[in-house]
């Protein structure tokens, strides 16, 4: 899932390890999320949004290309 995690982390001037410690995951997990190689659990998404004091929608962006209208499906 597309996200702005690296931008938020940069704005807060914290390392992947510091963020990982706060949300109780590994640094590798944070790296994989930032590189769009891992979709985090709902619980982790909310922990990240809480840390950055933003909405889930501000932090994570669903793939727009996957959305289809009803008429396209029919």
PDB file of N, CA and C in Angstrom:
ATOM      1  N   UNK A   1       0.851  -1.175   0.000  1.00  0.00           N
ATOM      2  CA  UNK A   1       0.000   0.000   0.000  1.00  0.00           C
ATOM      3  C   UNK A   1       0.899   1.241   0.000  1.00  0.00           C
ATOM      4  N   UNK A   2       0.598   2.151  -0.878  1.00  0.00           N
ATOM      5  CA  UNK A   2       1.375   3.392  -0.950  1.00  0.00           C
ATOM      6  C   UNK A   2       1.249   4.146   0.370  1.00  0.00           C
ATOM      7  N   UNK A   3       2.331   4.810   0.761  1.00  0.00           N
ATOM      8  CA  UNK A   3       2.303   5.534   2.032  1.00  0.00           C
ATOM      9  C   UNK A   3       3.292   6.687   2.019  1.00  0.00           C
ATOM     10  N   UNK A   4       3.155   7.522   3.023  1.00  0.00           N
ATOM     11  CA  UNK A   4       4.040   8.679   3.202  1.00  0.00           C
ATOM     12  C   UNK A   4       4.881   8.532   4.459  1.00  0.00           C
ATOM     13  N   UNK A   5       5.090   7.303   4.878  1.00  0.00           N
ATOM     14  CA  UNK A   5       5.789   7.047   6.131  1.00  0.00           C
ATOM     15  C   UNK A   5       7.190   7.657   6.147  1.00  0.00           C
ATOM     16  N   UNK A   6       7.933   7.496   5.066  1.00  0.00           N
ATOM     17  CA  UNK A   6       9.294   8.048   5.053  1.00  0.00           C
ATOM     18  C   UNK A   6       9.288   9.569   5.131  1.00  0.00           C
ATOM     19  N   UNK A   7       8.291  10.207   4.521  1.00  0.00           N
ATOM     20  CA  UNK A   7       8.189  11.671   4.589  1.00  0.00           C
ATOM     21  C   UNK A   7       7.865  12.132   6.008  1.00  0.00           C
ATOM     22  N   UNK A   8       6.908  11.465   6.649  1.00  0.00           N
ATOM     23  CA  UNK A   8       6.568  11.819   8.026  1.00  0.00           C
ATOM     24  C   UNK A   8       7.767  11.585   8.944  1.00  0.00           C
ATOM     25  N   UNK A   9       8.446  10.460   8.759  1.00  0.00           N
ATOM     26  CA  UNK A   9       9.593  10.150   9.603  1.00  0.00           C
ATOM     27  C   UNK A   9      10.691  11.198   9.431  1.00  0.00           C
ATOM     28  N   UNK A  10      10.893  11.613   8.202  1.00  0.00           N
ATOM     29  CA  UNK A  10      11.885  12.656   7.920  1.00  0.00           C
ATOM     30  C   UNK A  10      11.490  13.983   8.570  1.00  0.00           C
ATOM     31  N   UNK A  11      10.207  14.332   8.468  1.00  0.00           N
ATOM     32  CA  UNK A  11       9.720  15.572   9.081  1.00  0.00           C
ATOM     33  C   UNK A  11       9.912  15.562  10.597  1.00  0.00           C
ATOM     34  N   UNK A  12       9.772  14.382  11.213  1.00  0.00           N
ATOM     35  CA  UNK A  12       9.923  14.258  12.657  1.00  0.00           C
ATOM     36  C   UNK A  12      11.386  14.039  13.056  1.00  0.00           C
ATOM     37  N   UNK A  13      12.254  13.890  12.046  1.00  0.00           N
ATOM     38  CA  UNK A  13      13.683  13.703  12.264  1.00  0.00           C
ATOM     39  C   UNK A  13      13.978  12.528  13.192  1.00  0.00           C
ATOM     40  N   UNK A  14      13.381  11.376  12.873  1.00  0.00           N
ATOM     41  CA  UNK A  14      13.647  10.164  13.649  1.00  0.00           C
ATOM     42  C   UNK A  14      14.099   9.057  12.701  1.00  0.00           C
ATOM     43  N   UNK A  15      14.853   8.146  13.227  1.00  0.00           N
ATOM     44  CA  UNK A  15      15.360   7.030  12.430  1.00  0.00           C
ATOM     45  C   UNK A  15      14.312   5.928  12.326  1.00  0.00           C
ATOM     46  N   UNK A  16      14.556   5.016  11.410  1.00  0.00           N
ATOM     47  CA  UNK A  16      13.676   3.854  11.299  1.00  0.00           C
ATOM     48  C   UNK A  16      13.690   3.073  12.608  1.00  0.00           C
ATOM     49  N   UNK A  17      14.859   2.956  13.226  1.00  0.00           N
ATOM     50  CA  UNK A  17      14.966   2.209  14.473  1.00  0.00           C
ATOM     51  C   UNK A  17      14.174   2.865  15.598  1.00  0.00           C
ATOM     52  N   UNK A  18      14.247   4.184  15.703  1.00  0.00           N
ATOM     53  CA  UNK A  18      13.495   4.885  16.747  1.00  0.00           C
ATOM     54  C   UNK A  18      11.996   4.687  16.568  1.00  0.00           C
ATOM     55  N   UNK A  19      11.531   4.786  15.326  1.00  0.00           N
ATOM     56  CA  UNK A  19      10.110   4.570  15.060  1.00  0.00           C
ATOM     57  C   UNK A  19       9.731   3.123  15.348  1.00  0.00           C
ATOM     58  N   UNK A  20      10.563   2.201  14.926  1.00  0.00           N
ATOM     59  CA  UNK A  20      10.306   0.778  15.171  1.00  0.00           C
ATOM     60  C   UNK A  20      10.189   0.492  16.665  1.00  0.00           C
ATOM     61  N   UNK A  21      11.070   1.065  17.452  1.00  0.00           N
ATOM     62  CA  UNK A  21      11.010   0.875  18.903  1.00  0.00           C
ATOM     63  C   UNK A  21       9.689   1.379  19.464  1.00  0.00           C
ATOM     64  N   UNK A  22       9.244   2.528  19.000  1.00  0.00           N
ATOM     65  CA  UNK A  22       8.008   3.109  19.515  1.00  0.00           C
ATOM     66  C   UNK A  22       6.796   2.242  19.191  1.00  0.00           C
ATOM     67  N   UNK A  23       6.722   1.734  17.964  1.00  0.00           N
ATOM     68  CA  UNK A  23       5.535   0.965  17.555  1.00  0.00           C
ATOM     69  C   UNK A  23       5.735  -0.541  17.737  1.00  0.00           C
ATOM     70  N   UNK A  24       6.853  -0.916  18.339  1.00  0.00           N
ATOM     71  CA  UNK A  24       7.139  -2.297  18.734  1.00  0.00           C
ATOM     72  C   UNK A  24       7.210  -3.267  17.555  1.00  0.00           C
ATOM     73  N   UNK A  25       7.980  -2.875  16.536  1.00  0.00           N
ATOM     74  CA  UNK A  25       8.289  -3.761  15.413  1.00  0.00           C
ATOM     75  C   UNK A  25       9.785  -3.652  15.142  1.00  0.00           C
ATOM     76  N   UNK A  26      10.269  -4.393  14.174  1.00  0.00           N
ATOM     77  CA  UNK A  26      11.685  -4.307  13.829  1.00  0.00           C
ATOM     78  C   UNK A  26      11.929  -3.152  12.863  1.00  0.00           C
ATOM     79  N   UNK A  27      13.180  -2.737  12.791  1.00  0.00           N
ATOM     80  CA  UNK A  27      13.565  -1.712  11.826  1.00  0.00           C
ATOM     81  C   UNK A  27      13.309  -2.205  10.414  1.00  0.00           C
ATOM     82  N   UNK A  28      13.499  -3.501  10.201  1.00  0.00           N
ATOM     83  CA  UNK A  28      13.273  -4.078   8.882  1.00  0.00           C
ATOM     84  C   UNK A  28      11.808  -3.957   8.462  1.00  0.00           C
ATOM     85  N   UNK A  29      10.898  -4.053   9.420  1.00  0.00           N
ATOM     86  CA  UNK A  29       9.473  -3.892   9.116  1.00  0.00           C
ATOM     87  C   UNK A  29       9.190  -2.473   8.657  1.00  0.00           C
ATOM     88  N   UNK A  30       9.737  -1.491   9.352  1.00  0.00           N
ATOM     89  CA  UNK A  30       9.545  -0.091   8.951  1.00  0.00           C
ATOM     90  C   UNK A  30      10.118   0.129   7.560  1.00  0.00           C
ATOM     91  N   UNK A  31      11.294  -0.417   7.315  1.00  0.00           N
ATOM     92  CA  UNK A  31      11.920  -0.283   5.999  1.00  0.00           C
ATOM     93  C   UNK A  31      11.046  -0.907   4.910  1.00  0.00           C
ATOM     94  N   UNK A  32      10.504  -2.073   5.162  1.00  0.00           N
ATOM     95  CA  UNK A  32       9.663  -2.757   4.175  1.00  0.00           C
ATOM     96  C   UNK A  32       8.376  -1.985   3.905  1.00  0.00           C
ATOM     97  N   UNK A  33       7.798  -1.384   4.933  1.00  0.00           N
ATOM     98  CA  UNK A  33       6.590  -0.573   4.743  1.00  0.00           C
ATOM     99  C   UNK A  33       6.923   0.636   3.878  1.00  0.00           C
ATOM    100  N   UNK A  34       8.010   1.317   4.203  1.00  0.00           N
ATOM    101  CA  UNK A  34       8.405   2.500   3.435  1.00  0.00           C
ATOM    102  C   UNK A  34       8.671   2.170   1.969  1.00  0.00           C
ATOM    103  N   UNK A  35       9.182   0.991   1.701  1.00  0.00           N
ATOM    104  CA  UNK A  35       9.501   0.585   0.327  1.00  0.00           C
ATOM    105  C   UNK A  35       8.316  -0.087  -0.369  1.00  0.00           C
ATOM    106  N   UNK A  36       7.170  -0.095   0.299  1.00  0.00           N
ATOM    107  CA  UNK A  36       5.945  -0.681  -0.261  1.00  0.00           C
ATOM    108  C   UNK A  36       6.111  -2.180  -0.540  1.00  0.00           C
ATOM    109  N   UNK A  37       6.827  -2.845   0.361  1.00  0.00           N
ATOM    110  CA  UNK A  37       7.040  -4.289   0.235  1.00  0.00           C
ATOM    111  C   UNK A  37       6.304  -5.071   1.313  1.00  0.00           C
ATOM    112  N   UNK A  38       5.601  -4.360   2.178  1.00  0.00           N
ATOM    113  CA  UNK A  38       4.895  -5.008   3.282  1.00  0.00           C
ATOM    114  C   UNK A  38       3.687  -4.168   3.630  1.00  0.00           C
ATOM    115  N   UNK A  39       2.528  -4.819   3.714  1.00  0.00           N
ATOM    116  CA  UNK A  39       1.315  -4.133   4.154  1.00  0.00           C
ATOM    117  C   UNK A  39       1.149  -4.359   5.652  1.00  0.00           C
ATOM    118  N   UNK A  40       1.201  -3.294   6.431  1.00  0.00           N
ATOM    119  CA  UNK A  40       1.122  -3.438   7.885  1.00  0.00           C
ATOM    120  C   UNK A  40      -0.269  -3.852   8.344  1.00  0.00           C
ATOM    121  N   UNK A  41      -0.322  -4.426   9.533  1.00  0.00           N
ATOM    122  CA  UNK A  41      -1.606  -4.791  10.133  1.00  0.00           C
ATOM    123  C   UNK A  41      -2.388  -3.527  10.472  1.00  0.00           C
ATOM    124  N   UNK A  42      -3.668  -3.692  10.684  1.00  0.00           N
ATOM    125  CA  UNK A  42      -4.514  -2.555  11.061  1.00  0.00           C
ATOM    126  C   UNK A  42      -4.009  -1.950  12.367  1.00  0.00           C
ATOM    127  N   UNK A  43      -3.634  -2.799  13.307  1.00  0.00           N
ATOM    128  CA  UNK A  43      -3.113  -2.312  14.590  1.00  0.00           C
ATOM    129  C   UNK A  43      -1.870  -1.448  14.391  1.00  0.00           C
ATOM    130  N   UNK A  44      -0.959  -1.895  13.539  1.00  0.00           N
ATOM    131  CA  UNK A  44       0.267  -1.136  13.292  1.00  0.00           C
ATOM    132  C   UNK A  44      -0.024   0.176  12.572  1.00  0.00           C
ATOM    133  N   UNK A  45      -0.958   0.152  11.639  1.00  0.00           N
ATOM    134  CA  UNK A  45      -1.351   1.378  10.932  1.00  0.00           C
ATOM    135  C   UNK A  45      -1.825   2.430  11.931  1.00  0.00           C
ATOM    136  N   UNK A  46      -2.651   2.018  12.884  1.00  0.00           N
ATOM    137  CA  UNK A  46      -3.161   2.961  13.880  1.00  0.00           C
ATOM    138  C   UNK A  46      -2.059   3.438  14.828  1.00  0.00           C
ATOM    139  N   UNK A  47      -1.124   2.565  15.181  1.00  0.00           N
ATOM    140  CA  UNK A  47       0.002   2.982  16.023  1.00  0.00           C
ATOM    141  C   UNK A  47       0.844   4.044  15.315  1.00  0.00           C
ATOM    142  N   UNK A  48       1.087   3.827  14.030  1.00  0.00           N
ATOM    143  CA  UNK A  48       1.887   4.785  13.258  1.00  0.00           C
ATOM    144  C   UNK A  48       1.173   6.127  13.138  1.00  0.00           C
ATOM    145  N   UNK A  49      -0.120   6.088  12.845  1.00  0.00           N
ATOM    146  CA  UNK A  49      -0.892   7.330  12.732  1.00  0.00           C
ATOM    147  C   UNK A  49      -0.923   8.061  14.076  1.00  0.00           C
ATOM    148  N   UNK A  50      -1.048   7.320  15.164  1.00  0.00           N
ATOM    149  CA  UNK A  50      -1.057   7.943  16.491  1.00  0.00           C
ATOM    150  C   UNK A  50       0.290   8.596  16.787  1.00  0.00           C
ATOM    151  N   UNK A  51       1.371   7.923  16.434  1.00  0.00           N
ATOM    152  CA  UNK A  51       2.697   8.487  16.677  1.00  0.00           C
ATOM    153  C   UNK A  51       2.866   9.818  15.953  1.00  0.00           C
ATOM    154  N   UNK A  52       2.444   9.864  14.693  1.00  0.00           N
ATOM    155  CA  UNK A  52       2.616  11.074  13.887  1.00  0.00           C
ATOM    156  C   UNK A  52       1.465  12.067  14.043  1.00  0.00           C
ATOM    157  N   UNK A  53       0.489  11.711  14.876  1.00  0.00           N
ATOM    158  CA  UNK A  53      -0.670  12.575  15.129  1.00  0.00           C
ATOM    159  C   UNK A  53      -1.327  13.012  13.824  1.00  0.00           C
ATOM    160  N   UNK A  54      -1.589  12.021  12.972  1.00  0.00           N
ATOM    161  CA  UNK A  54      -2.248  12.283  11.695  1.00  0.00           C
ATOM    162  C   UNK A  54      -3.305  11.207  11.471  1.00  0.00           C
ATOM    163  N   UNK A  55      -4.094  11.383  10.451  1.00  0.00           N
ATOM    164  CA  UNK A  55      -5.094  10.363  10.141  1.00  0.00           C
ATOM    165  C   UNK A  55      -4.438   9.217   9.375  1.00  0.00           C
ATOM    166  N   UNK A  56      -5.074   8.066   9.438  1.00  0.00           N
ATOM    167  CA  UNK A  56      -4.604   6.917   8.674  1.00  0.00           C
ATOM    168  C   UNK A  56      -4.574   7.269   7.187  1.00  0.00           C
ATOM    169  N   UNK A  57      -5.592   7.998   6.728  1.00  0.00           N
ATOM    170  CA  UNK A  57      -5.677   8.396   5.329  1.00  0.00           C
ATOM    171  C   UNK A  57      -4.563   9.330   4.891  1.00  0.00           C
ATOM    172  N   UNK A  58      -4.046  10.129   5.820  1.00  0.00           N
ATOM    173  CA  UNK A  58      -2.915  11.004   5.488  1.00  0.00           C
ATOM    174  C   UNK A  58      -1.622  10.206   5.334  1.00  0.00           C
ATOM    175  N   UNK A  59      -1.516   9.127   6.082  1.00  0.00           N
ATOM    176  CA  UNK A  59      -0.290   8.334   6.105  1.00  0.00           C
ATOM    177  C   UNK A  59      -0.265   7.248   5.032  1.00  0.00           C
ATOM    178  N   UNK A  60      -1.413   6.621   4.802  1.00  0.00           N
ATOM    179  CA  UNK A  60      -1.504   5.520   3.839  1.00  0.00           C
ATOM    180  C   UNK A  60      -2.488   5.866   2.741  1.00  0.00           C
ATOM    181  N   UNK A  61      -2.119   5.496   1.502  1.00  0.00           N
ATOM    182  CA  UNK A  61      -2.924   5.830   0.331  1.00  0.00           C
ATOM    183  C   UNK A  61      -3.228   4.553  -0.442  1.00  0.00           C
ATOM    184  N   UNK A  62      -4.505   4.180  -0.534  1.00  0.00           N
ATOM    185  CA  UNK A  62      -4.831   2.977  -1.309  1.00  0.00           C
ATOM    186  C   UNK A  62      -4.438   3.169  -2.768  1.00  0.00           C
ATOM    187  N   UNK A  63      -4.134   2.079  -3.432  1.00  0.00           N
ATOM    188  CA  UNK A  63      -3.778   2.132  -4.851  1.00  0.00           C
ATOM    189  C   UNK A  63      -4.983   2.558  -5.664  1.00  0.00           C
ATOM    190  N   UNK A  64      -4.922   3.755  -6.187  1.00  0.00           N
ATOM    191  CA  UNK A  64      -6.026   4.317  -6.956  1.00  0.00           C
ATOM    192  C   UNK A  64      -6.290   3.474  -8.197  1.00  0.00           C
ATOM    193  N   UNK A  65      -5.277   2.917  -8.783  1.00  0.00           N
ATOM    194  CA  UNK A  65      -5.426   2.134  -9.997  1.00  0.00           C
ATOM    195  C   UNK A  65      -6.261   0.883  -9.822  1.00  0.00           C
ATOM    196  N   UNK A  66      -6.444   0.437  -8.587  1.00  0.00           N
ATOM    197  CA  UNK A  66      -7.218  -0.770  -8.346  1.00  0.00           C
ATOM    198  C   UNK A  66      -8.713  -0.510  -8.267  1.00  0.00           C
ATOM    199  N   UNK A  67      -9.109   0.728  -8.152  1.00  0.00           N
ATOM    200  CA  UNK A  67     -10.523   1.057  -8.028  1.00  0.00           C
ATOM    201  C   UNK A  67     -11.199   0.996  -9.393  1.00  0.00           C
ATOM    202  N   UNK A  68     -12.364   0.383  -9.420  1.00  0.00           N
ATOM    203  CA  UNK A  68     -13.153   0.323 -10.647  1.00  0.00           C
ATOM    204  C   UNK A  68     -14.573   0.758 -10.330  1.00  0.00           C
ATOM    205  N   UNK A  69     -15.196   1.331 -11.307  1.00  0.00           N
ATOM    206  CA  UNK A  69     -16.598   1.685 -11.126  1.00  0.00           C
ATOM    207  C   UNK A  69     -17.448   0.452 -11.380  1.00  0.00           C
ATOM    208  N   UNK A  70     -18.668   0.481 -10.922  1.00  0.00           N
ATOM    209  CA  UNK A  70     -19.586  -0.646 -11.117  1.00  0.00           C
ATOM    210  C   UNK A  70     -19.769  -0.940 -12.598  1.00  0.00           C
ATOM    211  N   UNK A  71     -19.871   0.083 -13.412  1.00  0.00           N
ATOM    212  CA  UNK A  71     -20.070  -0.132 -14.847  1.00  0.00           C
ATOM    213  C   UNK A  71     -18.864  -0.820 -15.489  1.00  0.00           C
ATOM    214  N   UNK A  72     -17.669  -0.592 -14.981  1.00  0.00           N
ATOM    215  CA  UNK A  72     -16.482  -1.250 -15.528  1.00  0.00           C
ATOM    216  C   UNK A  72     -16.470  -2.736 -15.194  1.00  0.00           C
ATOM    217  N   UNK A  73     -17.024  -3.093 -14.049  1.00  0.00           N
ATOM    218  CA  UNK A  73     -17.056  -4.486 -13.622  1.00  0.00           C
ATOM    219  C   UNK A  73     -18.113  -5.259 -14.398  1.00  0.00           C
ATOM    220  N   UNK A  74     -19.241  -4.610 -14.670  1.00  0.00           N
ATOM    221  CA  UNK A  74     -20.332  -5.277 -15.382  1.00  0.00           C
ATOM    222  C   UNK A  74     -19.957  -5.397 -16.797  1.00  0.00           C
TER     223      UNK A  74
END
